[in-house]
Amino acid sequence: MKRTYADKRNFAVTPEPTFATQVDDKGGPLTFVIQRHEASHLHFDFRLECDGALKSWAVPKGPSLDPTVKRAAIMVEDHPLDYADFEGRIPKGQYGGGEVILWDEGTYEPEGATGDRRRDEELVKRGLSEGKLSFTLYGSRLQGAFTLIRKGESENWLLIKRRDEFASTEDPTKIVSSVRTGRTAEDLRAGKRGQQMVRIPGAILAPIPPRLGVMVPKELPKPFTSELWTFEPKLDGIRALAIKDGPQVRIISRNGNEVSSRFPGVVSDLRALPHASFVLDGELVLLDQNGRPSFQSLMEAYHRGQAPADALHYYAFDLIYLDGYDLRRVSLSDRRAQLERVPLTRSLRLLETVDTDGEMLYDEAMRLGFEGIVGKRLDSKYREGAPSDDWVKIKGYHTEEFLICGFTMGFGSREHTFGALLLGRRDESGKLRFCGSVGGGLSEAQLIELKRLLEPLKVKNSPFDEPISTRGVPTFVRPELLAEVRFMSWTKDRRLRFPIFKRLRPDLQLGTAEPAPKPELATTGASESDAVLEALLEPGEELQLTIDGNPIRFTSLSKELWPGITKRDFVRYLASVSDIYLAHLRDRPVTFVRYPDGIGGEGFFQRHWEHRLPEFVETAKIFSQNNGKALDFVLCNNLASLLWFGQVAAIELHPWHSRVTTSPDAVGLGAQFDTLENLEESVLEYPDYLVCDLDPNIRSGLEKEGAEPELNEAGWRRTVEVAFGLKEMLDSLRLKSFVKTTGKTGLHVYLPLERHYDSTQVREVARTLGQHLMERMPGKITMEIRLNKRPNLVFFDANMNGRGKTLASAYSPRPVPGGRVSMPIAWEMLDQVHPDEFNIFTVPKLLATNGDEWHGILNARQLLAVGP
């Protein structure tokens, strides 16, 4: 292809660059350029950097932002990397004679990008070879996801915009000027010189982008020190972009909401800055009397629409646009140097940073009561969207002990236990003060056991020496049990902020409370999982740990299981969510799906382990009709087993809908499964759930022939609509239901049951529900099994009910790019979320904040209107 490029050109005549003079590997992210080319016919040249050249396509009508429009793109010869800087006139009579301007430029990432340049180039080459390349552009005029699809075996491709926040019906090709110099083709013909580029590598002359998001840091468990990084305190305020474009000034929150009217003083000070245009990234902060940020006070002022002028500040920590230049592709150190030249005054402040020593700053931040610290690579570019490895945050959590003084009434899945624990602590005078309540972090086993321990301690009157207000009806107890609780900080009225229950502490004494008798509380493995997370911070391919007294060895920790996601990341996820994940797996035979070579390799569905199992992995001997004999089916009943699944790359865990245990609600059923007769009379024949698997067969149009539909907006919205229709029908039958994403394209709806119905009865009820739903929602769902008979419909699969049938567990990762997870969702939130929001990086944080939406699901067991 390089030879083809040279053969077509006379470099003694044309000013175009050659391959001979270029440096093939420029380093950094992969770049793209689009050139507006007025040759014999106007067209746009679309070029992607790959393998030391610019892969090039001629796009006659130019790119479109409309996902319904497919633009023809003819692949042409590779161009040298230096062509990305070419703007000028090609003499008439030469190949491509005419005017070329740099219409757009920036960087791009292929779908599944790892951040490793070599690996990302391999993804690009693979996509080009297979005839489908999906990627995300980070340009000045084009941003977001696009796909190139080859038509047959020719050089004819289609360039298609994918649906995202950057999709639009606006025609970007109406812009005819250069993104770098501001010149038009007419200016080139007239011999006009362009504006001089600002002398900062990566700065691009461009208008303020119409859509801007903030760069999001990943969370790390502990601070570190590095000469490549700078660190700053994490402020407890409202993250916001401050935008000035001529006389117009806007303050936009990280969620895209304009909040300018709430902070008129800040707006006035921004308008007074001696710059025509800029975009600052920073935090709106209200300082308390001790000079520390107070989020609670800020929110109170926000809702009042006013704040004390001398206490409210906008702390700027980044500059991403200045006076006509987009700085998002400029290194942080250079952006910071420009920011320090901006004369911030009055309510505008510059957030101070500390280079290298993150550990020192973290200790100081904790001493002063800050929320934590943020670390940023000095060479990092500004990238909106998904959390970036170039920015990290280390939050400060406190762990302390509190007296359990009561509990509130539970609802929904907790109606048979309690909602939250009421916590207290004695002050210096010995008075018992209310410190707030905690409901997060409690497993089903803990709820049941704590309720048992608290029942004999109940008292009529409040033990607190002050009146208290609680959500829900309180029941008070003698304050004899101590709870260890993790929390973010104290509110100004001395309540815990973001508390999470960790464990009981029968070994400690707090204040004047006597130590409790040593209660046997169900273990969750919480302290063990913390130790695992700590150990995983250490570098290396291998790791040897002891978990609950059991040795377990991890190998190949840097192997990628998903593009850009390693086995270390996967094991870290399992440890982070272990107590909640295990609650949905315990005592259930598990089908596990192993991907030893990552999701790009072959997947192995297994119910048994052909080799010697570790001693800590429990099994149940169950008759297999396929094999005609009893086999050992694997269970996942403890932390060590869950992490062992991580070591063998079992990405997906699919538990049975029934359990091997009879207690407490199926004592009369058998617990032997070694023969067909015993199995059919056993507890495994009586499921805990009726399940409705909603699977959209609605295609995006970008799938390869024969491939399953990929996640797309139309399919997702139709599935949500069907799910709400199903819930409405179930509500009319007074049947409780719970919903979760599948982690792929659909939804799973679960109905918890009393174990009174065998699998055949449950399947028949599911089929009846599906048939009634088809009548209520004609033309939207189907129960037709054959894939080609259900186009553009949501498949209601009742056949996933039955002995030995499985679905991906709640919180199981799935083998799709990004590491998506099957996530329980509150019904009232279902139409406000998207499956892409839930992955192995985001789910642990959501659980730490909100707890398990399916917590205690089996406490909602119910009867059906069928036999026995």
Foldseek 3Di string as FASTA:
>chain_A
DLVVVVVQFDVVQFVADHQVPDDQDPDDFWKWFKKFAPFVATWIWTWTRADSWTFIWTFRQDDALAQVDWTKTFTDDTHGPCNRVDFAATPPPGVSGAGIAGAKMDGKFWFLRQSDRVVRNVLQVVCVVVQKTKMFGDMQQDTGIWMWGDDPPHRMIIIGHADDPRRDRDGSVVDAAHFAFRHGSVCNVVVHDGDDGDPFPPKIQHPDRPDDAAAAAFADAAWDFDQQKKKFFDAQFFKWKWKAAAQDIFTATNVGDTLCQLCVVVRVQVNPWPFNIWIFTWGWFFADPVRGGAHVLNVVSSVVSHDPQQRIATETEFTQDGRRIGQQRGFRLVRNVVVVPGPRDRRYHYGDMGGGDQNVVQVVCVVVPTQWMKMAGRRHGTDGDDHDNRIYTHGDKDKDKWFFWWFFQDDDLCNPFGQWTWTWAADPVRFIDTAETERAAAFLQQRVQVSVVFVVFWDDDGSGPDDDDDDHDITTGDRAWMWIWMARHAHPVNYTHLIHTDGTDLPDDGRPHDRDDDDDGDDQQLVVLVVVSVQLVDDDQKDWDAGPNFIDIAGRQQQEQFSNAGLSLVLNLCSLCVSVQLSQFAQFFKFFWADQNHLVDDIDTDQADPDDDGPVWQWAFAQDPVVRWTDTGTGDRHSVSSSVCSRRRRQFIWTQQFGLDCPDQRVVFANHHGHPVNVCRHRLQFGQKQKKWKAFQEASPSDDPPDGHFAGDLRQVLQLVLVVLLVVVCVVVVFDWWKWALLTHHIMIITGARRPDGQVVSLVVLVVSVVVSCVVPPPAEDCDPDSVVAHRHIHTDSVCGGRPRTGTTAQRFDRDHPRFGTHIDDNVCSVVDDSSCHHSSRVSVCCSRPNHPCRSVNSSHDYDPDDD
